Amino acid sequence: MLGWLLQGGPHDSKHRGKLHPVVTFFIHYGGVAWVSVAVHDWMVVARQTSTGNAATLTLCITPPIRQSIGAFFGLYFVMFFSTRLALRWKQCDFYVEFYRQTFLCSVTIFHVFLGLYTDRIVLAQSFCVAVGIDQILWYVDLAGYLIL
């Protein structure tokens, strides 16, 4: 079973099926969300309570508004993922969208929802910083490719 979850190369037969992309999607999102929340709570919440500085983080947006913004990002994620699945449905290769949703830009939208909705601001911000760096590196790589 573990071997089935490993990459196996782009021409592996499991990548032409429908089960592997879906299982990979759910394992990826579940694993990243669980680890991200656990690390956030360990680094931010546990350290704030141990030092007694729980009120050091002041924000301009109140929790109900943050949760509404988070809910918007959650709805946006569901809608754009559903739309992308629907657009590829007739081509019978809609399952590749499950792989595409594991790119950092899509994962960031989900984690901004998770971070804002559960009042884990640092979690949402860290994914935004990471995707910003990722996009700059994609741009630099593309620019280098175009120059050469």
C-alpha atoms as a PDB file:
ATOM      1  CA  MET A   1       0.000   0.000   0.000  1.00  0.00           C
ATOM      2  CA  LEU A   2       2.789   2.449   0.858  1.00  0.00           C
ATOM      3  CA  GLY A   3       4.441   1.815  -2.508  1.00  0.00           C
ATOM      4  CA  TRP A   4       1.180   2.735  -4.223  1.00  0.00           C
ATOM      5  CA  LEU A   5       1.245   6.145  -2.519  1.00  0.00           C
ATOM      6  CA  LEU A   6       4.813   6.925  -3.618  1.00  0.00           C
ATOM      7  CA  GLN A   7       5.414   8.976  -6.780  1.00  0.00           C
ATOM      8  CA  GLY A   8       6.474   6.249  -9.217  1.00  0.00           C
ATOM      9  CA  GLY A   9       7.215   8.572 -12.125  1.00  0.00           C
ATOM     10  CA  PRO A  10       4.961  10.388 -14.577  1.00  0.00           C
ATOM     11  CA  HIS A  11       4.230   7.309 -16.685  1.00  0.00           C
ATOM     12  CA  ASP A  12       3.177   5.040 -13.820  1.00  0.00           C
ATOM     13  CA  SER A  13      -0.222   3.442 -14.501  1.00  0.00           C
ATOM     14  CA  LYS A  14      -1.669   4.626 -11.175  1.00  0.00           C
ATOM     15  CA  HIS A  15      -1.538   8.220 -12.490  1.00  0.00           C
ATOM     16  CA  ARG A  16      -3.991   7.305 -15.252  1.00  0.00           C
ATOM     17  CA  GLY A  17      -6.565   6.054 -12.760  1.00  0.00           C
ATOM     18  CA  LYS A  18      -9.035   8.019 -10.706  1.00  0.00           C
ATOM     19  CA  LEU A  19      -8.300   6.660  -7.237  1.00  0.00           C
ATOM     20  CA  HIS A  20      -4.672   7.742  -6.743  1.00  0.00           C
ATOM     21  CA  PRO A  21      -5.225  11.478  -7.366  1.00  0.00           C
ATOM     22  CA  VAL A  22      -8.210  11.592  -5.003  1.00  0.00           C
ATOM     23  CA  VAL A  23      -6.437   9.667  -2.234  1.00  0.00           C
ATOM     24  CA  THR A  24      -3.318  11.814  -2.677  1.00  0.00           C
ATOM     25  CA  PHE A  25      -5.440  14.971  -2.446  1.00  0.00           C
ATOM     26  CA  PHE A  26      -7.091  13.964   0.839  1.00  0.00           C
ATOM     27  CA  ILE A  27      -3.882  12.662   2.419  1.00  0.00           C
ATOM     28  CA  HIS A  28      -2.057  15.842   1.381  1.00  0.00           C
ATOM     29  CA  TYR A  29      -4.674  18.259   2.685  1.00  0.00           C
ATOM     30  CA  GLY A  30      -5.316  16.272   5.858  1.00  0.00           C
ATOM     31  CA  GLY A  31      -1.618  15.878   6.609  1.00  0.00           C
ATOM     32  CA  VAL A  32      -0.617  19.455   5.864  1.00  0.00           C
ATOM     33  CA  ALA A  33      -3.590  20.884   7.785  1.00  0.00           C
ATOM     34  CA  TRP A  34      -2.986  18.672  10.813  1.00  0.00           C
ATOM     35  CA  VAL A  35       0.758  19.359  10.942  1.00  0.00           C
ATOM     36  CA  SER A  36       0.306  23.102  10.301  1.00  0.00           C
ATOM     37  CA  VAL A  37      -2.270  23.499  13.074  1.00  0.00           C
ATOM     38  CA  ALA A  38      -0.213  21.394  15.491  1.00  0.00           C
ATOM     39  CA  VAL A  39       2.984  23.348  14.816  1.00  0.00           C
ATOM     40  CA  HIS A  40       1.117  26.670  14.998  1.00  0.00           C
ATOM     41  CA  ASP A  41      -0.416  25.797  18.341  1.00  0.00           C
ATOM     42  CA  TRP A  42       2.911  24.543  19.678  1.00  0.00           C
ATOM     43  CA  MET A  43       4.862  27.594  18.534  1.00  0.00           C
ATOM     44  CA  VAL A  44       2.349  30.393  19.059  1.00  0.00           C
ATOM     45  CA  VAL A  45      -0.273  29.378  21.603  1.00  0.00           C
ATOM     46  CA  ALA A  46       1.946  27.329  23.924  1.00  0.00           C
ATOM     47  CA  ARG A  47       4.661  29.983  24.023  1.00  0.00           C
ATOM     48  CA  GLN A  48       2.204  32.804  24.648  1.00  0.00           C
ATOM     49  CA  THR A  49       0.681  31.000  27.625  1.00  0.00           C
ATOM     50  CA  SER A  50       4.057  29.963  29.042  1.00  0.00           C
ATOM     51  CA  THR A  51       5.391  33.530  28.934  1.00  0.00           C
ATOM     52  CA  GLY A  52       2.107  35.129  29.984  1.00  0.00           C
ATOM     53  CA  ASN A  53       2.090  37.358  26.907  1.00  0.00           C
ATOM     54  CA  ALA A  54      -1.210  36.211  25.455  1.00  0.00           C
ATOM     55  CA  ALA A  55      -2.265  39.766  24.539  1.00  0.00           C
ATOM     56  CA  THR A  56       0.882  40.750  22.637  1.00  0.00           C
ATOM     57  CA  LEU A  57      -0.685  40.298  19.205  1.00  0.00           C
ATOM     58  CA  THR A  58      -3.036  43.172  18.420  1.00  0.00           C
ATOM     59  CA  LEU A  59      -4.936  43.098  15.164  1.00  0.00           C
ATOM     60  CA  CYS A  60      -7.144  45.614  13.393  1.00  0.00           C
ATOM     61  CA  ILE A  61      -9.779  43.080  12.340  1.00  0.00           C
ATOM     62  CA  THR A  62     -12.051  41.631  15.012  1.00  0.00           C
ATOM     63  CA  PRO A  63     -12.568  37.830  15.254  1.00  0.00           C
ATOM     64  CA  PRO A  64     -16.120  37.783  13.761  1.00  0.00           C
ATOM     65  CA  ILE A  65     -14.900  39.677  10.698  1.00  0.00           C
ATOM     66  CA  ARG A  66     -11.839  37.412  10.420  1.00  0.00           C
ATOM     67  CA  GLN A  67     -14.102  34.375  10.500  1.00  0.00           C
ATOM     68  CA  SER A  68     -16.287  35.885   7.784  1.00  0.00           C
ATOM     69  CA  ILE A  69     -13.232  36.531   5.614  1.00  0.00           C
ATOM     70  CA  GLY A  70     -12.057  32.985   6.325  1.00  0.00           C
ATOM     71  CA  ALA A  71     -15.464  31.610   5.342  1.00  0.00           C
ATOM     72  CA  PHE A  72     -15.240  33.595   2.095  1.00  0.00           C
ATOM     73  CA  PHE A  73     -11.897  31.940   1.282  1.00  0.00           C
ATOM     74  CA  GLY A  74     -13.353  28.519   2.151  1.00  0.00           C
ATOM     75  CA  LEU A  75     -16.291  29.115  -0.171  1.00  0.00           C
ATOM     76  CA  TYR A  76     -13.956  30.440  -2.849  1.00  0.00           C
ATOM     77  CA  PHE A  77     -11.808  27.299  -2.584  1.00  0.00           C
ATOM     78  CA  VAL A  78     -14.829  25.004  -2.941  1.00  0.00           C
ATOM     79  CA  MET A  79     -16.224  27.014  -5.857  1.00  0.00           C
ATOM     80  CA  PHE A  80     -13.019  27.251  -7.882  1.00  0.00           C
ATOM     81  CA  PHE A  81     -12.196  23.584  -7.284  1.00  0.00           C
ATOM     82  CA  SER A  82     -15.727  22.553  -8.304  1.00  0.00           C
ATOM     83  CA  THR A  83     -15.569  24.769 -11.375  1.00  0.00           C
ATOM     84  CA  ARG A  84     -12.248  23.298 -12.450  1.00  0.00           C
ATOM     85  CA  LEU A  85     -13.614  19.778 -12.003  1.00  0.00           C
ATOM     86  CA  ALA A  86     -16.732  20.652 -14.008  1.00  0.00           C
ATOM     87  CA  LEU A  87     -14.718  22.178 -16.853  1.00  0.00           C
ATOM     88  CA  ARG A  88     -12.692  18.983 -17.248  1.00  0.00           C
ATOM     89  CA  TRP A  89     -15.557  16.554 -16.591  1.00  0.00           C
ATOM     90  CA  LYS A  90     -16.430  15.873 -20.248  1.00  0.00           C
ATOM     91  CA  GLN A  91     -12.782  15.273 -21.125  1.00  0.00           C
ATOM     92  CA  CYS A  92     -12.810  12.294 -18.725  1.00  0.00           C
ATOM     93  CA  ASP A  93      -9.569  13.419 -17.093  1.00  0.00           C
ATOM     94  CA  PHE A  94     -11.110  15.524 -14.349  1.00  0.00           C
ATOM     95  CA  TYR A  95      -9.154  13.552 -11.756  1.00  0.00           C
ATOM     96  CA  VAL A  96      -5.933  15.402 -12.665  1.00  0.00           C
ATOM     97  CA  GLU A  97      -7.435  18.452 -10.930  1.00  0.00           C
ATOM     98  CA  PHE A  98      -6.968  16.628  -7.637  1.00  0.00           C
ATOM     99  CA  TYR A  99      -3.216  16.609  -8.329  1.00  0.00           C
ATOM    100  CA  ARG A 100      -3.272  20.272  -9.357  1.00  0.00           C
ATOM    101  CA  GLN A 101      -4.930  21.250  -6.095  1.00  0.00           C
ATOM    102  CA  THR A 102      -1.832  20.117  -4.221  1.00  0.00           C
ATOM    103  CA  PHE A 103       0.175  23.035  -5.654  1.00  0.00           C
ATOM    104  CA  LEU A 104       1.135  25.598  -3.031  1.00  0.00           C
ATOM    105  CA  CYS A 105      -1.076  28.365  -4.435  1.00  0.00           C
ATOM    106  CA  SER A 106      -4.225  26.245  -4.000  1.00  0.00           C
ATOM    107  CA  VAL A 107      -3.112  24.891  -0.638  1.00  0.00           C
ATOM    108  CA  THR A 108      -2.574  28.483   0.515  1.00  0.00           C
ATOM    109  CA  ILE A 109      -6.186  29.438  -0.207  1.00  0.00           C
ATOM    110  CA  PHE A 110      -7.375  26.522   1.918  1.00  0.00           C
ATOM    111  CA  HIS A 111      -4.991  27.351   4.761  1.00  0.00           C
ATOM    112  CA  VAL A 112      -5.906  31.040   4.739  1.00  0.00           C
ATOM    113  CA  PHE A 113      -9.488  29.842   5.245  1.00  0.00           C
ATOM    114  CA  LEU A 114      -8.379  27.486   8.017  1.00  0.00           C
ATOM    115  CA  GLY A 115      -6.154  30.067   9.706  1.00  0.00           C
ATOM    116  CA  LEU A 116      -8.641  32.934   9.645  1.00  0.00           C
ATOM    117  CA  TYR A 117     -11.686  30.840  10.479  1.00  0.00           C
ATOM    118  CA  THR A 118     -10.022  29.193  13.494  1.00  0.00           C
ATOM    119  CA  ASP A 119      -8.311  32.431  14.600  1.00  0.00           C
ATOM    120  CA  ARG A 120      -4.801  31.190  13.766  1.00  0.00           C
ATOM    121  CA  ILE A 121      -3.543  34.339  12.096  1.00  0.00           C
ATOM    122  CA  VAL A 122       0.110  33.312  11.955  1.00  0.00           C
ATOM    123  CA  LEU A 123      -0.879  30.136  10.090  1.00  0.00           C
ATOM    124  CA  ALA A 124      -2.670  32.149   7.396  1.00  0.00           C
ATOM    125  CA  GLN A 125       0.171  34.665   7.139  1.00  0.00           C
ATOM    126  CA  SER A 126       2.882  32.013   6.905  1.00  0.00           C
ATOM    127  CA  PHE A 127       1.230  30.353   3.914  1.00  0.00           C
ATOM    128  CA  CYS A 128       0.848  33.756   2.214  1.00  0.00           C
ATOM    129  CA  VAL A 129       4.556  34.461   2.693  1.00  0.00           C
ATOM    130  CA  ALA A 130       5.482  30.992   1.433  1.00  0.00           C
ATOM    131  CA  VAL A 131       3.351  31.286  -1.711  1.00  0.00           C
ATOM    132  CA  GLY A 132       4.773  34.752  -2.364  1.00  0.00           C
ATOM    133  CA  ILE A 133       8.291  33.321  -2.349  1.00  0.00           C
ATOM    134  CA  ASP A 134       7.118  30.389  -4.473  1.00  0.00           C
ATOM    135  CA  GLN A 135       5.604  32.691  -7.097  1.00  0.00           C
ATOM    136  CA  ILE A 136       8.768  34.829  -7.232  1.00  0.00           C
ATOM    137  CA  LEU A 137      10.853  31.696  -7.795  1.00  0.00           C
ATOM    138  CA  TRP A 138       8.494  30.559 -10.583  1.00  0.00           C
ATOM    139  CA  TYR A 139       8.852  33.984 -12.187  1.00  0.00           C
ATOM    140  CA  VAL A 140      12.645  33.953 -11.908  1.00  0.00           C
ATOM    141  CA  ASP A 141      12.759  30.449 -13.363  1.00  0.00           C
ATOM    142  CA  LEU A 142      10.494  31.486 -16.248  1.00  0.00           C
ATOM    143  CA  ALA A 143      12.490  34.671 -16.860  1.00  0.00           C
ATOM    144  CA  GLY A 144      15.722  32.664 -16.928  1.00  0.00           C
ATOM    145  CA  TYR A 145      14.156  30.230 -19.363  1.00  0.00           C
ATOM    146  CA  LEU A 146      12.993  33.028 -21.655  1.00  0.00           C
ATOM    147  CA  ILE A 147      16.398  34.749 -21.582  1.00  0.00           C
ATOM    148  CA  LEU A 148      18.265  31.578 -22.474  1.00  0.00           C
END
